[in-house]
């Protein structure tokens, strides 16, 4: 005999449904969503479940709630959402740990190709991204987009189509880290800038061993099995 769905399961289902609606309908920033009552009726769940789901989407930066006005689509960066992975990942510490491990394996495995194939133009782009990150840090703005772009460019510089297809995995790791371990992302942006410089310097010398060591230190993987 089937058991009733647990409350957390209903909340997750409602959250996933609303997230997919926002992403797949290509709603524009500022567009108003249906009211809590209308969403409750459409999803056949209680308004409390809808409120819990909306709270998750607010935390993810997908929507904003304006008291007395309603619920609106936020001006979010779609590159940080990675819906093709988000719909299949169970959002918990174990998933984040697994993504961290997978990301480390991909980037460390690719570093030899990166050191060999990266171009002068790409190195200059990495430096520009890191300068932007440093400026955003000084202005107390989010540095996540710059950090994502830095690591995306590393994989793109491999010229390997399979590795490039894994970029969404990297982006999803950043997204989940922001959601569930924000302190791991924001706690020391000055260190991120410095570590990026070390990676760039090693790549400028096309020194794969030094680049690998710099990446290990950047990803806090001193105990990674080499």
N, C-alpha and C. Protein backbone atom coordinates (compact mmCIF):
# COMPACT_ATOMS: atom_id res chain seq x y z
N UNK A 1 0.85 -1.19 0.00
CA UNK A 1 0.00 0.00 0.00
C UNK A 1 0.89 1.25 0.00
N UNK A 2 0.54 2.19 -0.87
CA UNK A 2 1.33 3.41 -0.95
C UNK A 2 1.10 4.29 0.26
N UNK A 3 2.18 4.92 0.71
CA UNK A 3 2.08 5.83 1.85
C UNK A 3 1.94 7.26 1.35
N UNK A 4 1.27 8.11 2.13
CA UNK A 4 1.16 9.52 1.72
C UNK A 4 2.54 10.15 1.58
N UNK A 5 2.62 11.10 0.68
CA UNK A 5 3.90 11.80 0.50
C UNK A 5 4.24 12.60 1.75
N UNK A 6 5.49 12.56 2.13
CA UNK A 6 5.95 13.35 3.27
C UNK A 6 5.93 14.83 2.89
N UNK A 7 5.85 15.68 3.92
CA UNK A 7 5.77 17.12 3.68
C UNK A 7 6.97 17.63 2.90
N UNK A 8 8.18 17.13 3.27
CA UNK A 8 9.36 17.62 2.57
C UNK A 8 9.36 17.18 1.12
N UNK A 9 8.76 16.01 0.84
CA UNK A 9 8.66 15.54 -0.55
C UNK A 9 7.73 16.44 -1.35
N UNK A 10 6.60 16.81 -0.75
CA UNK A 10 5.66 17.71 -1.42
C UNK A 10 6.31 19.06 -1.70
N UNK A 11 7.05 19.56 -0.71
CA UNK A 11 7.73 20.84 -0.90
C UNK A 11 8.75 20.77 -2.03
N UNK A 12 9.50 19.68 -2.07
CA UNK A 12 10.50 19.52 -3.13
C UNK A 12 9.84 19.41 -4.49
N UNK A 13 8.73 18.66 -4.58
CA UNK A 13 8.03 18.53 -5.85
C UNK A 13 7.49 19.88 -6.31
N UNK A 14 6.92 20.64 -5.38
CA UNK A 14 6.40 21.96 -5.73
C UNK A 14 7.53 22.89 -6.16
N UNK A 15 8.64 22.82 -5.44
CA UNK A 15 9.80 23.66 -5.78
C UNK A 15 10.33 23.32 -7.17
N UNK A 16 10.50 22.03 -7.45
CA UNK A 16 11.01 21.60 -8.75
C UNK A 16 10.07 22.02 -9.87
N UNK A 17 8.76 21.89 -9.64
CA UNK A 17 7.78 22.26 -10.66
C UNK A 17 7.83 23.75 -10.95
N UNK A 18 7.88 24.57 -9.90
CA UNK A 18 7.94 26.01 -10.09
C UNK A 18 9.25 26.45 -10.73
N UNK A 19 10.35 25.80 -10.33
CA UNK A 19 11.64 26.12 -10.93
C UNK A 19 11.63 25.83 -12.43
N UNK A 20 11.13 24.66 -12.79
CA UNK A 20 11.07 24.30 -14.21
C UNK A 20 10.18 25.27 -14.98
N UNK A 21 9.07 25.69 -14.35
CA UNK A 21 8.17 26.64 -15.00
C UNK A 21 8.89 27.94 -15.31
N UNK A 22 9.62 28.45 -14.34
CA UNK A 22 10.33 29.71 -14.53
C UNK A 22 11.38 29.59 -15.63
N UNK A 23 12.09 28.46 -15.65
CA UNK A 23 13.20 28.29 -16.59
C UNK A 23 12.73 27.91 -17.98
N UNK A 24 11.80 26.96 -18.08
CA UNK A 24 11.40 26.47 -19.40
C UNK A 24 10.45 27.41 -20.12
N UNK A 25 9.72 28.23 -19.37
CA UNK A 25 8.83 29.20 -20.01
C UNK A 25 9.57 30.47 -20.42
N UNK A 26 10.86 30.50 -20.10
CA UNK A 26 11.72 31.64 -20.46
C UNK A 26 11.11 32.96 -19.99
N UNK A 27 10.66 32.97 -18.74
CA UNK A 27 10.07 34.18 -18.17
C UNK A 27 11.14 35.24 -18.01
N UNK A 28 10.75 36.47 -18.23
CA UNK A 28 11.69 37.59 -18.18
C UNK A 28 11.73 38.19 -16.78
N UNK A 29 12.88 38.78 -16.41
CA UNK A 29 12.97 39.46 -15.11
C UNK A 29 11.86 40.49 -14.96
N UNK A 30 11.21 40.49 -13.82
CA UNK A 30 10.14 41.43 -13.56
C UNK A 30 8.75 40.90 -13.87
N UNK A 31 8.67 39.78 -14.60
CA UNK A 31 7.35 39.19 -14.88
C UNK A 31 6.73 38.68 -13.59
N UNK A 32 5.43 38.91 -13.44
CA UNK A 32 4.75 38.50 -12.22
C UNK A 32 4.25 37.07 -12.32
N UNK A 33 4.43 36.32 -11.25
CA UNK A 33 3.94 34.95 -11.18
C UNK A 33 2.53 34.96 -10.59
N UNK A 34 1.80 33.85 -10.75
CA UNK A 34 0.48 33.76 -10.11
C UNK A 34 0.60 33.91 -8.60
N UNK A 35 -0.51 34.24 -7.96
CA UNK A 35 -0.51 34.42 -6.51
C UNK A 35 -0.33 33.08 -5.80
N UNK A 36 -0.06 33.13 -4.50
CA UNK A 36 0.08 31.90 -3.72
C UNK A 36 -1.19 31.06 -3.81
N UNK A 37 -2.34 31.70 -3.76
CA UNK A 37 -3.61 30.97 -3.85
C UNK A 37 -3.73 30.27 -5.19
N UNK A 38 -3.40 30.98 -6.27
CA UNK A 38 -3.49 30.38 -7.61
C UNK A 38 -2.50 29.24 -7.78
N UNK A 39 -1.29 29.42 -7.26
CA UNK A 39 -0.29 28.35 -7.34
C UNK A 39 -0.73 27.14 -6.53
N UNK A 40 -1.32 27.40 -5.37
CA UNK A 40 -1.81 26.31 -4.53
C UNK A 40 -2.86 25.50 -5.26
N UNK A 41 -3.77 26.17 -5.94
CA UNK A 41 -4.82 25.48 -6.68
C UNK A 41 -4.23 24.73 -7.88
N UNK A 42 -3.31 25.35 -8.58
CA UNK A 42 -2.72 24.72 -9.78
C UNK A 42 -1.92 23.47 -9.42
N UNK A 43 -1.21 23.53 -8.29
CA UNK A 43 -0.35 22.41 -7.89
C UNK A 43 -1.06 21.40 -6.99
N UNK A 44 -2.27 21.75 -6.57
CA UNK A 44 -3.06 20.88 -5.67
C UNK A 44 -2.31 20.58 -4.38
N UNK A 45 -1.71 21.61 -3.83
CA UNK A 45 -1.04 21.50 -2.53
C UNK A 45 -1.49 22.69 -1.67
N UNK A 46 -1.19 22.60 -0.38
CA UNK A 46 -1.59 23.68 0.51
C UNK A 46 -0.78 24.95 0.26
N UNK A 47 -1.30 26.06 0.73
CA UNK A 47 -0.58 27.32 0.57
C UNK A 47 0.71 27.32 1.38
N UNK A 48 0.72 26.59 2.50
CA UNK A 48 1.96 26.49 3.28
C UNK A 48 3.07 25.82 2.47
N UNK A 49 2.71 24.77 1.72
CA UNK A 49 3.69 24.10 0.86
C UNK A 49 4.19 25.06 -0.20
N UNK A 50 3.28 25.83 -0.79
CA UNK A 50 3.66 26.81 -1.81
C UNK A 50 4.62 27.85 -1.21
N UNK A 51 4.31 28.32 0.00
CA UNK A 51 5.19 29.31 0.64
C UNK A 51 6.59 28.75 0.86
N UNK A 52 6.66 27.49 1.30
CA UNK A 52 7.96 26.87 1.52
C UNK A 52 8.73 26.75 0.21
N UNK A 53 8.03 26.36 -0.87
CA UNK A 53 8.68 26.24 -2.18
C UNK A 53 9.17 27.60 -2.66
N UNK A 54 8.34 28.62 -2.48
CA UNK A 54 8.73 29.96 -2.91
C UNK A 54 9.93 30.47 -2.12
N UNK A 55 10.00 30.11 -0.84
CA UNK A 55 11.14 30.52 -0.02
C UNK A 55 12.44 29.94 -0.55
N UNK A 56 12.38 28.69 -1.04
CA UNK A 56 13.57 28.06 -1.64
C UNK A 56 13.98 28.83 -2.89
N UNK A 57 13.00 29.18 -3.73
CA UNK A 57 13.30 29.89 -4.98
C UNK A 57 13.82 31.29 -4.71
N UNK A 58 13.35 31.92 -3.64
CA UNK A 58 13.90 33.22 -3.24
C UNK A 58 15.37 33.06 -2.86
N UNK A 59 15.67 32.02 -2.07
CA UNK A 59 17.05 31.77 -1.65
C UNK A 59 17.95 31.46 -2.84
N UNK A 60 17.39 30.83 -3.87
CA UNK A 60 18.17 30.51 -5.07
C UNK A 60 18.35 31.72 -5.96
N UNK A 61 17.62 32.80 -5.67
CA UNK A 61 17.74 34.01 -6.49
C UNK A 61 16.91 34.00 -7.74
N UNK A 62 15.94 33.07 -7.84
CA UNK A 62 15.11 32.98 -9.04
C UNK A 62 13.92 33.93 -8.99
N UNK A 63 13.42 34.22 -7.80
CA UNK A 63 12.25 35.09 -7.67
C UNK A 63 12.47 36.08 -6.54
N UNK A 64 11.65 37.13 -6.54
CA UNK A 64 11.60 38.07 -5.43
C UNK A 64 10.14 38.24 -5.02
N UNK A 65 9.92 38.36 -3.72
CA UNK A 65 8.57 38.59 -3.20
C UNK A 65 8.48 40.03 -2.71
N UNK A 66 7.51 40.76 -3.25
CA UNK A 66 7.33 42.15 -2.87
C UNK A 66 6.03 42.28 -2.09
N UNK A 67 6.11 42.55 -0.80
CA UNK A 67 4.90 42.64 0.03
C UNK A 67 3.87 43.60 -0.56
N UNK A 68 2.65 43.12 -0.65
CA UNK A 68 1.57 43.95 -1.16
C UNK A 68 1.50 44.00 -2.67
N UNK A 69 2.51 43.47 -3.35
CA UNK A 69 2.51 43.51 -4.81
C UNK A 69 2.45 42.12 -5.42
N UNK A 70 3.25 41.18 -4.91
CA UNK A 70 3.21 39.84 -5.46
C UNK A 70 4.57 39.21 -5.60
N UNK A 71 4.64 38.20 -6.47
CA UNK A 71 5.85 37.41 -6.69
C UNK A 71 6.35 37.68 -8.10
N UNK A 72 7.64 38.00 -8.23
CA UNK A 72 8.18 38.38 -9.52
C UNK A 72 9.45 37.59 -9.84
N UNK A 73 9.69 37.38 -11.13
CA UNK A 73 10.91 36.73 -11.58
C UNK A 73 12.09 37.66 -11.33
N UNK A 74 13.13 37.14 -10.72
CA UNK A 74 14.31 37.95 -10.42
C UNK A 74 15.21 38.08 -11.65
N UNK A 75 16.12 39.03 -11.59
CA UNK A 75 17.10 39.21 -12.66
C UNK A 75 18.31 38.32 -12.36
N UNK A 76 18.16 37.01 -12.62
CA UNK A 76 19.20 36.05 -12.27
C UNK A 76 20.03 35.67 -13.49
N UNK A 77 21.21 35.12 -13.23
CA UNK A 77 22.12 34.66 -14.28
C UNK A 77 21.79 33.21 -14.62
N UNK A 78 21.23 32.98 -15.80
CA UNK A 78 20.82 31.63 -16.18
C UNK A 78 21.99 30.67 -16.27
N UNK A 79 23.19 31.17 -16.50
CA UNK A 79 24.36 30.28 -16.56
C UNK A 79 24.65 29.63 -15.21
N UNK A 80 24.13 30.23 -14.13
CA UNK A 80 24.38 29.67 -12.81
C UNK A 80 23.29 28.71 -12.35
N UNK A 81 22.31 28.48 -13.22
CA UNK A 81 21.20 27.62 -12.83
C UNK A 81 21.39 26.19 -13.29
N UNK A 82 21.90 26.00 -14.51
CA UNK A 82 22.14 24.65 -15.05
C UNK A 82 20.94 23.73 -14.84
N UNK A 83 19.78 24.05 -15.43
CA UNK A 83 18.59 23.26 -15.15
C UNK A 83 18.70 21.81 -15.55
N UNK A 84 19.50 21.49 -16.57
CA UNK A 84 19.59 20.11 -17.00
C UNK A 84 20.17 19.21 -15.93
N UNK A 85 20.93 19.80 -15.00
CA UNK A 85 21.46 19.03 -13.88
C UNK A 85 20.61 19.27 -12.64
N UNK A 86 20.13 20.47 -12.46
CA UNK A 86 19.41 20.80 -11.24
C UNK A 86 18.19 19.93 -11.03
N UNK A 87 17.50 19.55 -12.11
CA UNK A 87 16.29 18.76 -11.94
C UNK A 87 16.59 17.34 -11.49
N UNK A 88 17.83 16.90 -11.61
CA UNK A 88 18.14 15.52 -11.27
C UNK A 88 19.00 15.37 -10.02
N UNK A 89 19.45 16.48 -9.45
CA UNK A 89 20.33 16.42 -8.28
C UNK A 89 19.50 16.58 -7.01
N UNK A 90 19.72 15.69 -6.06
CA UNK A 90 19.07 15.81 -4.76
C UNK A 90 19.86 16.80 -3.93
N UNK A 91 19.24 17.92 -3.58
CA UNK A 91 19.98 19.00 -2.93
C UNK A 91 20.27 18.68 -1.47
N UNK A 92 21.41 18.12 -1.20
CA UNK A 92 21.82 17.89 0.17
C UNK A 92 23.34 17.87 0.22
N UNK A 93 23.88 17.76 1.44
CA UNK A 93 25.33 17.80 1.59
C UNK A 93 26.03 16.72 0.81
N UNK A 94 25.41 15.53 0.73
CA UNK A 94 26.05 14.43 0.02
C UNK A 94 26.20 14.77 -1.46
N UNK A 95 25.17 15.36 -2.06
CA UNK A 95 25.25 15.72 -3.47
C UNK A 95 26.33 16.76 -3.71
N UNK A 96 26.42 17.74 -2.82
CA UNK A 96 27.44 18.77 -2.97
C UNK A 96 28.83 18.17 -2.85
N UNK A 97 29.01 17.25 -1.91
CA UNK A 97 30.31 16.59 -1.76
C UNK A 97 30.65 15.79 -3.01
N UNK A 98 29.66 15.11 -3.57
CA UNK A 98 29.89 14.32 -4.78
C UNK A 98 30.25 15.22 -5.95
N UNK A 99 29.57 16.36 -6.07
CA UNK A 99 29.88 17.30 -7.14
C UNK A 99 31.27 17.90 -6.95
N UNK A 100 31.64 18.19 -5.71
CA UNK A 100 32.98 18.72 -5.43
C UNK A 100 34.05 17.73 -5.88
N UNK A 101 33.82 16.46 -5.57
CA UNK A 101 34.78 15.42 -5.94
C UNK A 101 34.86 15.27 -7.45
N UNK A 102 33.69 15.29 -8.11
CA UNK A 102 33.67 15.14 -9.57
C UNK A 102 34.33 16.34 -10.24
N UNK A 103 34.03 17.53 -9.74
CA UNK A 103 34.65 18.73 -10.31
C UNK A 103 36.16 18.67 -10.18
N UNK A 104 36.65 18.27 -9.00
CA UNK A 104 38.09 18.18 -8.79
C UNK A 104 38.72 17.18 -9.75
N UNK A 105 38.07 16.04 -9.93
CA UNK A 105 38.60 15.02 -10.83
C UNK A 105 38.68 15.54 -12.26
N UNK A 106 37.65 16.28 -12.68
CA UNK A 106 37.63 16.82 -14.05
C UNK A 106 38.72 17.86 -14.23
N UNK A 107 38.79 18.84 -13.34
CA UNK A 107 39.75 19.93 -13.51
C UNK A 107 41.19 19.45 -13.36
N UNK A 108 41.44 18.61 -12.37
CA UNK A 108 42.80 18.10 -12.20
C UNK A 108 43.20 17.19 -13.35
N UNK A 109 42.25 16.42 -13.84
CA UNK A 109 42.54 15.55 -14.98
C UNK A 109 42.81 16.32 -16.25
N UNK A 110 42.23 17.53 -16.33
CA UNK A 110 42.36 18.33 -17.55
C UNK A 110 43.56 19.27 -17.52
N UNK A 111 44.19 19.44 -16.35
CA UNK A 111 45.18 20.51 -16.21
C UNK A 111 46.38 20.34 -17.14
N UNK A 112 46.77 19.10 -17.44
CA UNK A 112 47.90 18.90 -18.35
C UNK A 112 47.56 19.41 -19.75
N UNK A 113 46.34 19.10 -20.22
CA UNK A 113 45.91 19.61 -21.52
C UNK A 113 45.80 21.13 -21.50
N UNK A 114 45.29 21.66 -20.40
CA UNK A 114 45.16 23.11 -20.30
C UNK A 114 46.52 23.78 -20.40
N UNK A 115 47.50 23.29 -19.66
CA UNK A 115 48.84 23.87 -19.68
C UNK A 115 49.47 23.78 -21.06
N UNK A 116 49.14 22.73 -21.79
CA UNK A 116 49.72 22.52 -23.11
C UNK A 116 49.05 23.37 -24.18
N UNK A 117 47.72 23.52 -24.08
CA UNK A 117 46.96 24.10 -25.19
C UNK A 117 46.49 25.53 -24.99
N UNK A 118 46.54 26.03 -23.78
CA UNK A 118 46.01 27.37 -23.54
C UNK A 118 46.78 28.40 -24.35
N UNK A 119 46.05 29.36 -24.91
CA UNK A 119 46.66 30.37 -25.78
C UNK A 119 46.96 31.65 -25.01
N UNK A 120 47.75 32.50 -25.64
CA UNK A 120 48.06 33.80 -25.03
C UNK A 120 46.79 34.60 -24.82
N UNK A 121 45.88 34.57 -25.81
CA UNK A 121 44.62 35.30 -25.68
C UNK A 121 43.80 34.79 -24.51
N UNK A 122 43.79 33.48 -24.31
CA UNK A 122 43.03 32.90 -23.19
C UNK A 122 43.67 33.26 -21.86
N UNK A 123 44.99 33.28 -21.82
CA UNK A 123 45.67 33.70 -20.59
C UNK A 123 45.36 35.15 -20.26
N UNK A 124 45.31 35.99 -21.28
CA UNK A 124 44.96 37.39 -21.06
C UNK A 124 43.53 37.52 -20.57
N UNK A 125 42.65 36.66 -21.10
CA UNK A 125 41.26 36.67 -20.66
C UNK A 125 41.15 36.23 -19.19
N UNK A 126 41.93 35.22 -18.81
CA UNK A 126 41.94 34.79 -17.40
C UNK A 126 42.37 35.93 -16.49
N UNK A 127 43.39 36.67 -16.92
CA UNK A 127 43.85 37.81 -16.12
C UNK A 127 42.77 38.88 -16.00
N UNK A 128 42.05 39.12 -17.11
CA UNK A 128 40.98 40.12 -17.09
C UNK A 128 39.84 39.69 -16.16
N UNK A 129 39.50 38.41 -16.21
CA UNK A 129 38.45 37.90 -15.32
C UNK A 129 38.87 38.05 -13.86
N UNK A 130 40.13 37.75 -13.58
CA UNK A 130 40.60 37.85 -12.20
C UNK A 130 40.63 39.30 -11.73
N UNK A 131 40.95 40.22 -12.64
CA UNK A 131 40.90 41.65 -12.27
C UNK A 131 39.47 42.07 -11.96
N UNK A 132 38.53 41.58 -12.77
CA UNK A 132 37.12 41.88 -12.53
C UNK A 132 36.67 41.32 -11.18
N UNK A 133 37.11 40.11 -10.87
CA UNK A 133 36.78 39.49 -9.58
C UNK A 133 37.32 40.35 -8.43
N UNK A 134 38.56 40.82 -8.60
CA UNK A 134 39.18 41.63 -7.55
C UNK A 134 38.44 42.94 -7.36
N UNK A 135 38.02 43.56 -8.47
CA UNK A 135 37.28 44.82 -8.38
C UNK A 135 35.91 44.61 -7.72
N UNK A 136 35.23 43.54 -8.11
CA UNK A 136 33.94 43.25 -7.48
C UNK A 136 34.10 42.97 -5.99
N UNK A 137 35.20 42.36 -5.64
CA UNK A 137 35.49 42.10 -4.23
C UNK A 137 35.65 43.43 -3.48
N UNK A 138 36.40 44.37 -4.08
CA UNK A 138 36.62 45.67 -3.44
C UNK A 138 35.30 46.43 -3.26
N UNK A 139 34.42 46.28 -4.26
CA UNK A 139 33.13 46.98 -4.23
C UNK A 139 32.08 46.21 -3.43
N UNK A 140 32.50 45.09 -2.82
CA UNK A 140 31.59 44.25 -2.03
C UNK A 140 30.43 43.73 -2.86
N UNK A 141 30.72 43.45 -4.13
CA UNK A 141 29.72 42.82 -4.99
C UNK A 141 30.03 41.33 -5.10
N UNK A 142 29.06 40.58 -5.61
CA UNK A 142 29.26 39.13 -5.76
C UNK A 142 30.40 38.86 -6.74
N UNK A 143 31.24 37.89 -6.39
CA UNK A 143 32.36 37.49 -7.26
C UNK A 143 32.11 36.14 -7.93
N UNK A 144 30.92 35.58 -7.71
CA UNK A 144 30.64 34.23 -8.19
C UNK A 144 30.73 34.13 -9.71
N UNK A 145 30.13 35.10 -10.43
CA UNK A 145 30.12 35.01 -11.89
C UNK A 145 31.55 34.99 -12.44
N UNK A 146 32.42 35.84 -11.88
CA UNK A 146 33.81 35.86 -12.34
C UNK A 146 34.50 34.54 -12.05
N UNK A 147 34.26 34.00 -10.86
CA UNK A 147 34.89 32.72 -10.49
C UNK A 147 34.43 31.61 -11.43
N UNK A 148 33.14 31.59 -11.74
CA UNK A 148 32.61 30.59 -12.68
C UNK A 148 33.26 30.75 -14.05
N UNK A 149 33.33 32.00 -14.53
CA UNK A 149 33.91 32.25 -15.86
C UNK A 149 35.37 31.81 -15.91
N UNK A 150 36.10 32.02 -14.83
CA UNK A 150 37.51 31.63 -14.77
C UNK A 150 37.64 30.13 -15.00
N UNK A 151 36.86 29.36 -14.28
CA UNK A 151 36.99 27.90 -14.37
C UNK A 151 36.37 27.34 -15.65
N UNK A 152 35.35 28.00 -16.17
CA UNK A 152 34.80 27.59 -17.47
C UNK A 152 35.85 27.76 -18.55
N UNK A 153 36.57 28.89 -18.52
CA UNK A 153 37.58 29.14 -19.53
C UNK A 153 38.72 28.12 -19.45
N UNK A 154 39.05 27.69 -18.24
CA UNK A 154 40.08 26.65 -18.11
C UNK A 154 39.69 25.41 -18.90
N UNK A 155 38.47 24.94 -18.73
CA UNK A 155 38.04 23.73 -19.45
C UNK A 155 37.91 23.99 -20.94
N UNK A 156 37.43 25.17 -21.31
CA UNK A 156 37.30 25.49 -22.73
C UNK A 156 38.65 25.48 -23.43
N UNK A 157 39.70 25.85 -22.70
CA UNK A 157 41.02 25.93 -23.32
C UNK A 157 41.62 24.56 -23.62
N UNK A 158 40.98 23.48 -23.15
CA UNK A 158 41.48 22.14 -23.48
C UNK A 158 41.24 21.80 -24.94
N UNK A 159 40.27 22.47 -25.57
CA UNK A 159 39.85 22.15 -26.95
C UNK A 159 39.28 20.73 -27.05
N UNK A 160 38.93 20.17 -25.92
CA UNK A 160 38.38 18.81 -25.91
C UNK A 160 36.87 18.89 -25.75
N UNK A 161 36.11 18.46 -26.76
CA UNK A 161 34.65 18.63 -26.71
C UNK A 161 33.98 17.88 -25.57
N UNK A 162 34.53 16.74 -25.18
CA UNK A 162 33.93 15.99 -24.07
C UNK A 162 34.10 16.75 -22.75
N UNK A 163 35.30 17.27 -22.53
CA UNK A 163 35.54 18.05 -21.31
C UNK A 163 34.70 19.32 -21.30
N UNK A 164 34.55 19.93 -22.46
CA UNK A 164 33.75 21.16 -22.54
C UNK A 164 32.29 20.87 -22.21
N UNK A 165 31.81 19.68 -22.59
CA UNK A 165 30.43 19.31 -22.27
C UNK A 165 30.22 19.12 -20.77
N UNK A 166 31.30 18.99 -20.02
CA UNK A 166 31.19 18.82 -18.57
C UNK A 166 31.13 20.15 -17.82
N UNK A 167 31.20 21.25 -18.54
CA UNK A 167 31.16 22.56 -17.90
C UNK A 167 29.90 22.74 -17.04
N UNK A 168 28.70 22.28 -17.50
CA UNK A 168 27.53 22.43 -16.62
C UNK A 168 27.70 21.78 -15.25
N UNK A 169 28.47 20.72 -15.17
CA UNK A 169 28.73 20.09 -13.87
C UNK A 169 29.47 21.06 -12.96
N UNK A 170 30.45 21.74 -13.53
CA UNK A 170 31.22 22.72 -12.77
C UNK A 170 30.32 23.85 -12.30
N UNK A 171 29.47 24.34 -13.22
CA UNK A 171 28.57 25.44 -12.88
C UNK A 171 27.60 25.02 -11.78
N UNK A 172 27.10 23.78 -11.87
CA UNK A 172 26.17 23.30 -10.86
C UNK A 172 26.84 23.20 -9.49
N UNK A 173 28.11 22.84 -9.47
CA UNK A 173 28.83 22.80 -8.19
C UNK A 173 28.86 24.18 -7.55
N UNK A 174 29.15 25.21 -8.35
CA UNK A 174 29.16 26.56 -7.82
C UNK A 174 27.78 26.94 -7.30
N UNK A 175 26.74 26.59 -8.07
CA UNK A 175 25.38 26.98 -7.69
C UNK A 175 24.97 26.35 -6.37
N UNK A 176 25.25 25.06 -6.23
CA UNK A 176 24.89 24.38 -4.99
C UNK A 176 25.73 24.88 -3.82
N UNK A 177 26.99 25.19 -4.08
CA UNK A 177 27.84 25.72 -3.01
C UNK A 177 27.31 27.05 -2.51
N UNK A 178 26.84 27.89 -3.42
CA UNK A 178 26.26 29.17 -3.04
C UNK A 178 25.03 28.95 -2.17
N UNK A 179 24.21 27.95 -2.54
CA UNK A 179 22.97 27.69 -1.83
C UNK A 179 23.21 27.08 -0.45
N UNK A 180 24.14 26.12 -0.37
CA UNK A 180 24.24 25.31 0.84
C UNK A 180 25.50 25.55 1.66
N UNK A 181 26.54 26.07 1.05
CA UNK A 181 27.75 26.39 1.82
C UNK A 181 28.30 27.74 1.37
N UNK A 182 27.50 28.79 1.51
CA UNK A 182 27.95 30.10 1.03
C UNK A 182 29.26 30.56 1.65
N UNK A 183 29.53 30.15 2.89
CA UNK A 183 30.78 30.57 3.53
C UNK A 183 32.00 30.03 2.79
N UNK A 184 31.84 28.88 2.13
CA UNK A 184 32.95 28.29 1.39
C UNK A 184 33.27 29.09 0.15
N UNK A 185 32.30 29.87 -0.33
CA UNK A 185 32.49 30.67 -1.54
C UNK A 185 32.93 32.09 -1.19
N UNK A 186 32.31 32.67 -0.17
CA UNK A 186 32.49 34.09 0.10
C UNK A 186 33.48 34.41 1.21
N UNK A 187 33.99 33.38 1.93
CA UNK A 187 34.71 33.67 3.16
C UNK A 187 36.03 34.38 2.94
N UNK A 188 36.70 34.18 1.78
CA UNK A 188 38.02 34.78 1.59
C UNK A 188 38.28 35.04 0.12
N UNK A 189 37.59 36.04 -0.47
CA UNK A 189 37.79 36.31 -1.89
C UNK A 189 39.21 36.76 -2.22
N UNK A 190 39.90 37.40 -1.25
CA UNK A 190 41.29 37.79 -1.50
C UNK A 190 42.15 36.58 -1.80
N UNK A 191 41.89 35.50 -1.09
CA UNK A 191 42.64 34.27 -1.32
C UNK A 191 42.34 33.70 -2.70
N UNK A 192 41.08 33.80 -3.12
CA UNK A 192 40.71 33.31 -4.46
C UNK A 192 41.50 34.05 -5.52
N UNK A 193 41.58 35.38 -5.40
CA UNK A 193 42.33 36.18 -6.37
C UNK A 193 43.79 35.74 -6.41
N UNK A 194 44.39 35.57 -5.25
CA UNK A 194 45.79 35.16 -5.17
C UNK A 194 46.00 33.77 -5.77
N UNK A 195 45.09 32.86 -5.48
CA UNK A 195 45.23 31.50 -6.01
C UNK A 195 45.04 31.48 -7.52
N UNK A 196 44.13 32.30 -8.02
CA UNK A 196 43.97 32.40 -9.47
C UNK A 196 45.26 32.90 -10.13
N UNK A 197 45.91 33.87 -9.49
CA UNK A 197 47.17 34.39 -10.04
C UNK A 197 48.23 33.29 -10.12
N UNK A 198 48.26 32.43 -9.10
CA UNK A 198 49.23 31.33 -9.10
C UNK A 198 48.94 30.35 -10.23
N UNK A 199 47.67 30.09 -10.48
CA UNK A 199 47.29 29.20 -11.58
C UNK A 199 47.69 29.82 -12.91
N UNK A 200 47.40 31.11 -13.08
CA UNK A 200 47.74 31.80 -14.32
C UNK A 200 49.25 31.79 -14.55
N UNK A 201 50.02 32.07 -13.52
CA UNK A 201 51.49 32.10 -13.65
C UNK A 201 52.02 30.75 -14.11
N UNK A 202 51.50 29.68 -13.53
CA UNK A 202 51.94 28.34 -13.93
C UNK A 202 51.56 28.04 -15.37
N UNK A 203 50.36 28.47 -15.77
CA UNK A 203 49.91 28.22 -17.14
C UNK A 203 50.70 29.07 -18.14
N UNK A 204 51.07 30.28 -17.75
CA UNK A 204 51.90 31.11 -18.63
C UNK A 204 53.24 30.45 -18.92
N UNK A 205 53.73 29.70 -17.95
CA UNK A 205 54.99 28.95 -18.13
C UNK A 205 54.75 27.59 -18.75
N UNK A 206 53.48 27.27 -19.00
CA UNK A 206 53.09 25.95 -19.53
C UNK A 206 53.68 24.83 -18.66
N UNK A 207 53.65 25.08 -17.35
CA UNK A 207 54.18 24.13 -16.37
C UNK A 207 53.01 23.36 -15.77
N UNK A 208 52.74 22.18 -16.29
CA UNK A 208 51.57 21.43 -15.85
C UNK A 208 51.66 21.00 -14.39
N UNK A 209 52.87 20.66 -13.92
CA UNK A 209 53.04 20.24 -12.53
C UNK A 209 52.72 21.39 -11.57
N UNK A 210 53.25 22.57 -11.89
CA UNK A 210 52.98 23.73 -11.04
C UNK A 210 51.51 24.13 -11.11
N UNK A 211 50.93 24.03 -12.30
CA UNK A 211 49.52 24.36 -12.45
C UNK A 211 48.64 23.41 -11.65
N UNK A 212 49.01 22.12 -11.67
CA UNK A 212 48.26 21.13 -10.91
C UNK A 212 48.34 21.43 -9.41
N UNK A 213 49.53 21.76 -8.93
CA UNK A 213 49.69 22.05 -7.51
C UNK A 213 48.91 23.30 -7.12
N UNK A 214 48.95 24.32 -7.98
CA UNK A 214 48.20 25.55 -7.70
C UNK A 214 46.71 25.28 -7.66
N UNK A 215 46.24 24.40 -8.55
CA UNK A 215 44.82 24.06 -8.58
C UNK A 215 44.42 23.25 -7.35
N UNK A 216 45.28 22.33 -6.94
CA UNK A 216 45.02 21.55 -5.73
C UNK A 216 44.85 22.48 -4.53
N UNK A 217 45.74 23.45 -4.41
CA UNK A 217 45.65 24.39 -3.29
C UNK A 217 44.40 25.27 -3.41
N UNK A 218 44.06 25.64 -4.63
CA UNK A 218 42.88 26.48 -4.85
C UNK A 218 41.59 25.74 -4.48
N UNK A 219 41.53 24.47 -4.82
CA UNK A 219 40.33 23.67 -4.54
C UNK A 219 40.37 23.04 -3.15
N UNK A 220 41.41 23.38 -2.38
CA UNK A 220 41.56 22.85 -1.02
C UNK A 220 41.59 21.32 -1.04
N UNK A 221 42.44 20.78 -1.93
CA UNK A 221 42.49 19.33 -2.13
C UNK A 221 43.87 18.77 -1.79
N UNK A 222 44.47 19.30 -0.75
CA UNK A 222 45.81 18.84 -0.39
C UNK A 222 45.85 17.34 -0.13
N UNK A 223 44.71 16.77 0.24
CA UNK A 223 44.66 15.34 0.52
C UNK A 223 44.15 14.54 -0.67
N UNK A 224 43.98 15.24 -1.82
CA UNK A 224 43.47 14.54 -3.00
C UNK A 224 44.48 13.48 -3.43
N UNK A 225 43.97 12.31 -3.77
CA UNK A 225 44.85 11.20 -4.12
C UNK A 225 45.51 11.47 -5.46
N UNK A 226 46.81 11.74 -5.43
CA UNK A 226 47.54 12.01 -6.66
C UNK A 226 48.23 10.76 -7.14
